[in-house]
Amino acid sequence: MLPLFFLALAQAVTPELRQHVEAGLRAKAAGDLDGAAREFQRVAELAPELAAAHVNLGSVYFQQKDYARATGPLRRALQLNADLPGAQQMLGTALLAQGAAVEAIPHLERAQAADLLGIALLEAGRTRDAVDKLEAALLQRPEDPDLTYYLSHAHGRLSKDLFERLRAQPDGATRVQQMLGEAAAGAGQREQAEKHFRAALAARADLRGVHLAIGQLYLAGGDYARAEPEFRAEARMAPMSAMAAYKLGLTLMNLGKAAEAITELQRAEQLQPGMPETHLALGKALAATGDLSGAEGALQKVVQAEPASALAEAAHLQLSQIYRKLGRTADADREIRALQELRRGRR
């Protein structure tokens, strides 16, 4: 039986044309794409003004991933009928696959194919538009590795473009130093990162976030004595920053200043309630001062908030130690079992 788009022109369909159409459809259904292409090529020759003939030929080449051969028939089909279902997306995809991103864009726009359109926009240098389309597509398919790759690439290019714009601005040097410091820190180049951060502070002493970044460099290296003044400087500059209060409290705890640490960690909790990292550090600091009941409550909040995380592992370990000090052996054993179960699940 002929498809509807052929039946609509039944009065113009000759027996020979019908024969080739049916043979092409049978070959395609059987997976014989070469045979289908031969039949549909003959259909296009017999009925050159029939859009369906060209779209069928183009779709076979498209299915074979022979995008160069698919392009011509698909273009001709859309010239004859711009509303053919699927033809716009096939042509846009075929053009994109051949590197013709700019030409592919209008076809993918008409097809409303956000994922492929985002890729085409990215390759055409329209980075900002690409980010928008790729983010919309990723919301629909959050586990798609190709979309994740292209969106990451788009964000990287957008970041680079913005950095170049910043560097070209007369007053952008300070922020350039800050960004260079952040990039070096991310690459694990601590000395280089500090050099850039110090240069930024030399230009603008009131720059928020830089003392925090330098403090984190020292904290990561276990140099708590040098981290403390940096976090204090950030806390003075941004007294409502929960992160500065948390980092200062964590550093003080590692320096053995548990009472001071508790003050900062409680302040961090007030500024941003519910941070599991704050609860974990607070639990350790309270335990160090002998407030085992308060420590237990803080650590239980960690387990409740993130029951399957590395933070929960640390909390279970701390709780087991607290329960042993309190003589609650059964509770201590329960925490150790929970810790072991978590570790097995994370392997």
Protein backbone atom coordinates (compact mmCIF):
# COMPACT_ATOMS: atom_id res chain seq x y z
CA MET A 1 0.00 0.00 0.00
CA LEU A 2 1.31 3.44 -0.92
CA PRO A 3 1.92 6.00 1.86
CA LEU A 4 -0.60 8.84 2.17
CA PHE A 5 1.68 11.42 0.55
CA PHE A 6 1.76 9.28 -2.59
CA LEU A 7 -1.95 8.44 -2.50
CA ALA A 8 -2.75 12.14 -2.43
CA LEU A 9 -1.29 12.31 -5.92
CA ALA A 10 -2.80 9.01 -7.04
CA GLN A 11 -4.05 10.44 -10.28
CA ALA A 12 -0.48 11.20 -11.32
CA VAL A 13 1.02 7.90 -10.11
CA THR A 14 1.85 5.61 -13.01
CA PRO A 15 2.13 1.83 -12.65
CA GLU A 16 5.92 2.09 -13.07
CA LEU A 17 6.17 4.76 -10.39
CA ARG A 18 3.98 2.73 -8.04
CA GLN A 19 6.17 -0.31 -8.64
CA HIS A 20 9.39 1.54 -7.69
CA VAL A 21 7.79 3.18 -4.64
CA GLU A 22 6.56 -0.14 -3.31
CA ALA A 23 9.90 -1.83 -4.03
CA GLY A 24 11.73 0.97 -2.24
CA LEU A 25 9.49 0.74 0.81
CA ARG A 26 9.89 -3.05 0.95
CA ALA A 27 13.67 -2.77 0.68
CA LYS A 28 13.79 -0.13 3.41
CA ALA A 29 11.60 -2.22 5.72
CA ALA A 30 13.90 -5.20 5.11
CA GLY A 31 17.00 -3.16 5.96
CA ASP A 32 18.27 -3.16 2.37
CA LEU A 33 19.11 0.54 2.28
CA ASP A 34 21.18 0.31 -0.90
CA GLY A 35 18.24 -1.29 -2.69
CA ALA A 36 15.86 1.32 -1.24
CA ALA A 37 18.14 4.11 -2.46
CA ARG A 38 18.15 2.71 -6.00
CA GLU A 39 14.37 2.46 -6.06
CA PHE A 40 13.78 5.93 -4.61
CA GLN A 41 16.35 7.40 -6.99
CA ARG A 42 14.24 6.02 -9.85
CA VAL A 43 11.09 7.44 -8.25
CA ALA A 44 12.75 10.89 -8.10
CA GLU A 45 13.69 10.60 -11.78
CA LEU A 46 10.15 9.61 -12.79
CA ALA A 47 8.46 12.25 -10.59
CA PRO A 48 10.96 15.12 -10.17
CA GLU A 49 8.27 17.50 -8.90
CA LEU A 50 7.10 15.12 -6.19
CA ALA A 51 8.56 16.31 -2.85
CA ALA A 52 7.91 12.95 -1.18
CA ALA A 53 10.11 11.22 -3.75
CA HIS A 54 13.11 13.37 -2.82
CA VAL A 55 12.54 13.21 0.95
CA ASN A 56 12.37 9.41 0.81
CA LEU A 57 15.63 9.25 -1.11
CA GLY A 58 17.25 11.73 1.26
CA SER A 59 16.02 9.85 4.32
CA VAL A 60 17.63 6.61 3.09
CA TYR A 61 20.99 8.33 2.61
CA PHE A 62 20.52 9.99 6.00
CA GLN A 63 19.87 6.62 7.60
CA GLN A 64 23.09 5.37 6.02
CA LYS A 65 24.85 8.44 7.47
CA ASP A 66 25.85 9.41 3.95
CA TYR A 67 25.14 13.04 4.72
CA ALA A 68 26.75 14.44 1.60
CA ARG A 69 24.41 12.43 -0.66
CA ALA A 70 21.41 13.12 1.60
CA THR A 71 21.78 16.89 1.35
CA GLY A 72 20.75 17.29 -2.31
CA PRO A 73 17.49 15.33 -2.19
CA LEU A 74 16.49 16.91 1.11
CA ARG A 75 17.12 20.40 -0.22
CA ARG A 76 15.02 19.64 -3.31
CA ALA A 77 12.22 18.19 -1.19
CA LEU A 78 12.05 21.36 0.92
CA GLN A 79 12.10 23.55 -2.16
CA LEU A 80 8.98 21.71 -3.32
CA ASN A 81 7.33 21.54 0.11
CA ALA A 82 8.84 23.41 3.07
CA ASP A 83 6.45 21.71 5.51
CA LEU A 84 7.51 18.09 4.98
CA PRO A 85 7.63 16.37 8.41
CA GLY A 86 11.18 15.63 9.54
CA ALA A 87 12.87 17.04 6.46
CA GLN A 88 14.04 20.26 8.11
CA GLN A 89 15.73 18.39 10.95
CA MET A 90 17.30 15.81 8.65
CA LEU A 91 18.74 18.52 6.39
CA GLY A 92 19.95 20.58 9.35
CA THR A 93 21.59 17.52 10.87
CA ALA A 94 23.19 16.50 7.58
CA LEU A 95 24.62 19.99 7.07
CA LEU A 96 25.90 20.14 10.65
CA ALA A 97 27.56 16.74 10.27
CA GLN A 98 29.47 18.11 7.28
CA GLY A 99 30.63 21.21 9.18
CA ALA A 100 28.15 23.64 7.59
CA ALA A 101 26.90 24.94 10.95
CA VAL A 102 25.77 28.37 9.72
CA GLU A 103 23.66 26.85 6.93
CA ALA A 104 22.24 24.23 9.31
CA ILE A 105 20.94 26.79 11.85
CA PRO A 106 17.74 27.96 10.05
CA HIS A 107 16.68 24.36 9.36
CA LEU A 108 17.25 23.31 12.97
CA GLU A 109 15.40 26.42 14.16
CA ARG A 110 12.38 25.47 12.05
CA ALA A 111 12.59 21.91 13.38
CA GLN A 112 12.81 23.26 16.96
CA ALA A 113 15.69 20.85 17.63
CA ALA A 114 17.24 22.62 20.64
CA ASP A 115 20.06 20.11 21.14
CA LEU A 116 21.37 20.14 17.58
CA LEU A 117 20.68 23.86 17.25
CA GLY A 118 22.83 24.51 20.33
CA ILE A 119 25.71 22.59 18.77
CA ALA A 120 25.33 24.44 15.47
CA LEU A 121 25.25 27.81 17.22
CA LEU A 122 28.39 26.89 19.15
CA GLU A 123 30.23 25.87 15.99
CA ALA A 124 29.03 29.04 14.28
CA GLY A 125 30.59 31.16 17.04
CA ARG A 126 27.30 32.27 18.61
CA THR A 127 28.36 31.11 22.07
CA ARG A 128 25.81 32.96 24.19
CA ASP A 129 22.89 31.63 22.12
CA ALA A 130 24.43 28.14 22.18
CA VAL A 131 24.56 28.10 25.99
CA ASP A 132 20.86 28.95 26.21
CA LYS A 133 19.80 26.22 23.77
CA LEU A 134 22.08 23.56 25.23
CA GLU A 135 20.96 24.29 28.79
CA ALA A 136 17.32 23.96 27.71
CA ALA A 137 18.09 20.65 25.98
CA LEU A 138 20.03 19.34 28.98
CA LEU A 139 17.05 20.01 31.24
CA GLN A 140 15.11 17.55 29.10
CA ARG A 141 17.95 14.97 28.93
CA PRO A 142 20.15 15.55 32.01
CA GLU A 143 22.09 12.30 31.56
CA ASP A 144 23.05 12.89 27.92
CA PRO A 145 26.89 12.84 27.74
CA ASP A 146 27.05 14.61 24.38
CA LEU A 147 24.89 17.50 25.59
CA THR A 148 26.94 17.72 28.79
CA TYR A 149 30.14 17.84 26.74
CA TYR A 150 28.94 20.54 24.37
CA LEU A 151 27.47 22.66 27.17
CA SER A 152 30.73 22.41 29.11
CA HIS A 153 32.59 23.42 25.97
CA ALA A 154 30.21 26.34 25.42
CA HIS A 155 30.62 27.59 28.97
CA GLY A 156 34.40 27.32 28.65
CA ARG A 157 34.36 29.35 25.45
CA LEU A 158 32.00 31.92 26.97
CA SER A 159 34.27 32.21 29.99
CA LYS A 160 37.28 32.74 27.74
CA ASP A 161 35.43 35.39 25.72
CA LEU A 162 34.45 37.23 28.89
CA PHE A 163 38.00 37.03 30.21
CA GLU A 164 39.35 38.58 27.02
CA ARG A 165 36.74 41.32 27.28
CA LEU A 166 37.75 41.94 30.90
CA ARG A 167 41.42 42.08 30.00
CA ALA A 168 40.68 44.69 27.32
CA GLN A 169 38.92 47.00 29.78
CA PRO A 170 41.02 49.87 31.19
CA ASP A 171 40.04 49.07 34.80
CA GLY A 172 40.00 45.30 34.41
CA ALA A 173 43.55 44.49 35.54
CA THR A 174 42.60 43.78 39.16
CA ARG A 175 39.88 41.31 38.26
CA VAL A 176 42.19 39.74 35.70
CA GLN A 177 44.68 39.02 38.49
CA GLN A 178 41.88 37.55 40.60
CA MET A 179 40.74 35.31 37.76
CA LEU A 180 44.29 34.21 37.03
CA GLY A 181 44.65 33.34 40.69
CA GLU A 182 41.46 31.30 40.64
CA ALA A 183 42.61 29.44 37.52
CA ALA A 184 46.01 28.69 39.06
CA ALA A 185 44.37 27.52 42.29
CA GLY A 186 42.10 25.22 40.31
CA ALA A 187 45.16 23.76 38.60
CA GLY A 188 46.86 23.15 41.96
CA GLN A 189 49.50 25.86 41.40
CA ARG A 190 49.36 27.36 44.87
CA GLU A 191 52.38 29.65 44.72
CA GLN A 192 51.33 31.11 41.37
CA ALA A 193 47.76 31.50 42.62
CA GLU A 194 48.86 33.41 45.72
CA LYS A 195 51.05 35.68 43.59
CA HIS A 196 48.05 36.71 41.48
CA PHE A 197 45.77 37.07 44.50
CA ARG A 198 48.31 39.29 46.27
CA ALA A 199 48.59 41.44 43.14
CA ALA A 200 44.82 41.85 43.11
CA LEU A 201 44.80 42.90 46.78
CA ALA A 202 47.64 45.34 46.19
CA ALA A 203 45.48 47.11 43.62
CA ARG A 204 42.23 46.89 45.63
CA ALA A 205 42.55 46.10 49.32
CA ASP A 206 38.77 45.89 49.74
CA LEU A 207 38.31 43.13 47.17
CA ARG A 208 35.98 40.53 48.68
CA GLY A 209 36.74 36.85 48.25
CA VAL A 210 40.49 37.18 47.76
CA HIS A 211 41.53 36.73 51.40
CA LEU A 212 39.15 33.77 51.49
CA ALA A 213 40.84 32.28 48.42
CA ILE A 214 44.33 32.75 49.88
CA GLY A 215 43.19 31.23 53.16
CA GLN A 216 41.89 28.19 51.29
CA LEU A 217 45.29 27.77 49.64
CA TYR A 218 46.92 27.58 53.07
CA LEU A 219 44.13 25.39 54.46
CA ALA A 220 44.56 22.90 51.62
CA GLY A 221 48.27 22.75 52.40
CA GLY A 222 47.67 22.21 56.12
CA ASP A 223 49.24 25.58 57.02
CA TYR A 224 46.57 26.61 59.53
CA ALA A 225 48.67 29.33 61.16
CA ARG A 226 48.88 31.27 57.88
CA ALA A 227 45.30 30.49 56.94
CA GLU A 228 43.84 32.01 60.12
CA PRO A 229 44.68 35.71 59.44
CA GLU A 230 43.39 35.41 55.89
CA PHE A 231 40.03 34.08 57.02
CA ARG A 232 39.87 36.70 59.77
CA ALA A 233 40.50 39.41 57.20
CA GLU A 234 37.70 38.04 55.02
CA ALA A 235 35.35 37.80 58.02
CA ARG A 236 36.03 41.45 58.89
CA MET A 237 35.45 42.52 55.30
CA ALA A 238 32.31 40.39 54.86
CA PRO A 239 30.84 39.81 58.33
CA MET A 240 27.70 38.21 56.87
CA SER A 241 29.65 35.57 54.92
CA ALA A 242 28.81 32.12 56.26
CA MET A 243 31.69 30.64 54.27
CA ALA A 244 34.25 32.96 55.87
CA ALA A 245 32.92 32.15 59.35
CA TYR A 246 32.95 28.41 58.60
CA LYS A 247 36.49 28.43 57.20
CA LEU A 248 37.75 30.48 60.14
CA GLY A 249 36.05 28.13 62.60
CA LEU A 250 37.49 25.07 60.83
CA THR A 251 40.98 26.58 60.91
CA LEU A 252 40.73 27.50 64.59
CA MET A 253 39.61 23.95 65.41
CA ASN A 254 42.65 22.56 63.60
CA LEU A 255 44.84 24.95 65.57
CA GLY A 256 43.41 23.52 68.80
CA LYS A 257 41.40 26.66 69.57
CA ALA A 258 38.14 24.78 70.04
CA ALA A 259 36.28 27.43 72.06
CA GLU A 260 36.98 30.14 69.47
CA ALA A 261 36.12 27.70 66.71
CA ILE A 262 32.69 27.02 68.24
CA THR A 263 31.88 30.75 68.23
CA GLU A 264 32.69 31.07 64.52
CA LEU A 265 30.98 27.82 63.54
CA GLN A 266 27.81 28.75 65.42
CA ARG A 267 27.91 32.12 63.65
CA ALA A 268 28.25 30.29 60.31
CA GLU A 269 25.20 28.17 61.18
CA GLN A 270 23.18 31.28 62.00
CA LEU A 271 24.20 32.96 58.75
CA GLN A 272 23.47 29.90 56.61
CA PRO A 273 21.53 27.21 58.47
CA GLY A 274 21.77 23.59 57.42
CA MET A 275 25.32 23.40 56.03
CA PRO A 276 26.45 19.80 56.76
CA GLU A 277 30.10 20.86 56.68
CA THR A 278 29.43 23.37 59.46
CA HIS A 279 27.62 20.77 61.57
CA LEU A 280 30.49 18.30 61.18
CA ALA A 281 33.14 20.83 62.21
CA LEU A 282 30.95 22.09 65.05
CA GLY A 283 30.41 18.53 66.30
CA LYS A 284 34.17 17.95 66.41
CA ALA A 285 34.80 21.26 68.18
CA LEU A 286 32.07 20.65 70.76
CA ALA A 287 33.45 17.17 71.42
CA ALA A 288 36.91 18.66 71.93
CA THR A 289 35.54 20.96 74.67
CA GLY A 290 33.71 18.09 76.38
CA ASP A 291 30.20 19.04 75.26
CA LEU A 292 29.37 15.53 74.09
CA SER A 293 25.61 16.08 74.04
CA GLY A 294 25.94 19.15 71.83
CA ALA A 295 28.43 17.31 69.62
CA GLU A 296 26.03 14.39 69.22
CA GLY A 297 23.23 16.71 68.07
CA ALA A 298 25.44 18.47 65.52
CA LEU A 299 26.76 15.21 64.10
CA GLN A 300 23.29 13.67 63.85
CA LYS A 301 22.31 16.62 61.64
CA VAL A 302 25.11 15.68 59.24
CA VAL A 303 23.83 12.11 58.93
CA GLN A 304 20.27 13.31 58.43
CA ALA A 305 21.24 15.86 55.76
CA GLU A 306 23.65 13.71 53.72
CA PRO A 307 23.21 10.07 54.77
CA ALA A 308 25.29 8.61 51.91
CA SER A 309 28.18 11.09 51.71
CA ALA A 310 31.79 11.21 52.88
CA LEU A 311 30.62 13.75 55.45
CA ALA A 312 28.27 11.12 56.86
CA GLU A 313 31.18 8.67 57.15
CA ALA A 314 33.14 11.17 59.22
CA ALA A 315 30.06 11.88 61.36
CA HIS A 316 29.46 8.16 62.05
CA LEU A 317 33.10 7.81 63.13
CA GLN A 318 32.86 10.81 65.46
CA LEU A 319 29.57 9.56 66.91
CA SER A 320 31.05 6.13 67.61
CA GLN A 321 33.88 7.76 69.58
CA ILE A 322 31.46 9.93 71.53
CA TYR A 323 29.24 6.96 72.43
CA ARG A 324 32.23 4.97 73.67
CA LYS A 325 33.23 7.85 75.93
CA LEU A 326 29.67 7.87 77.26
CA GLY A 327 29.72 4.09 77.76
CA ARG A 328 26.99 3.55 75.17
CA THR A 329 28.63 0.53 73.57
CA ALA A 330 25.61 -0.61 71.56
CA ASP A 331 25.22 2.85 70.01
CA ALA A 332 28.94 2.98 69.24
CA ASP A 333 28.77 -0.40 67.51
CA ARG A 334 25.74 0.73 65.52
CA GLU A 335 27.65 3.78 64.22
CA ILE A 336 30.63 1.60 63.23
CA ARG A 337 28.31 -0.73 61.31
CA ALA A 338 26.74 2.25 59.55
CA LEU A 339 30.21 3.54 58.68
CA GLN A 340 31.29 0.16 57.29
CA GLU A 341 28.09 -0.11 55.25
CA LEU A 342 28.66 3.33 53.77
CA ARG A 343 32.25 2.50 52.83
CA ARG A 344 31.16 -0.72 51.13
CA GLY A 345 28.53 1.13 49.16
CA ARG A 346 31.01 3.77 47.99
CA ARG A 347 33.58 1.28 46.62
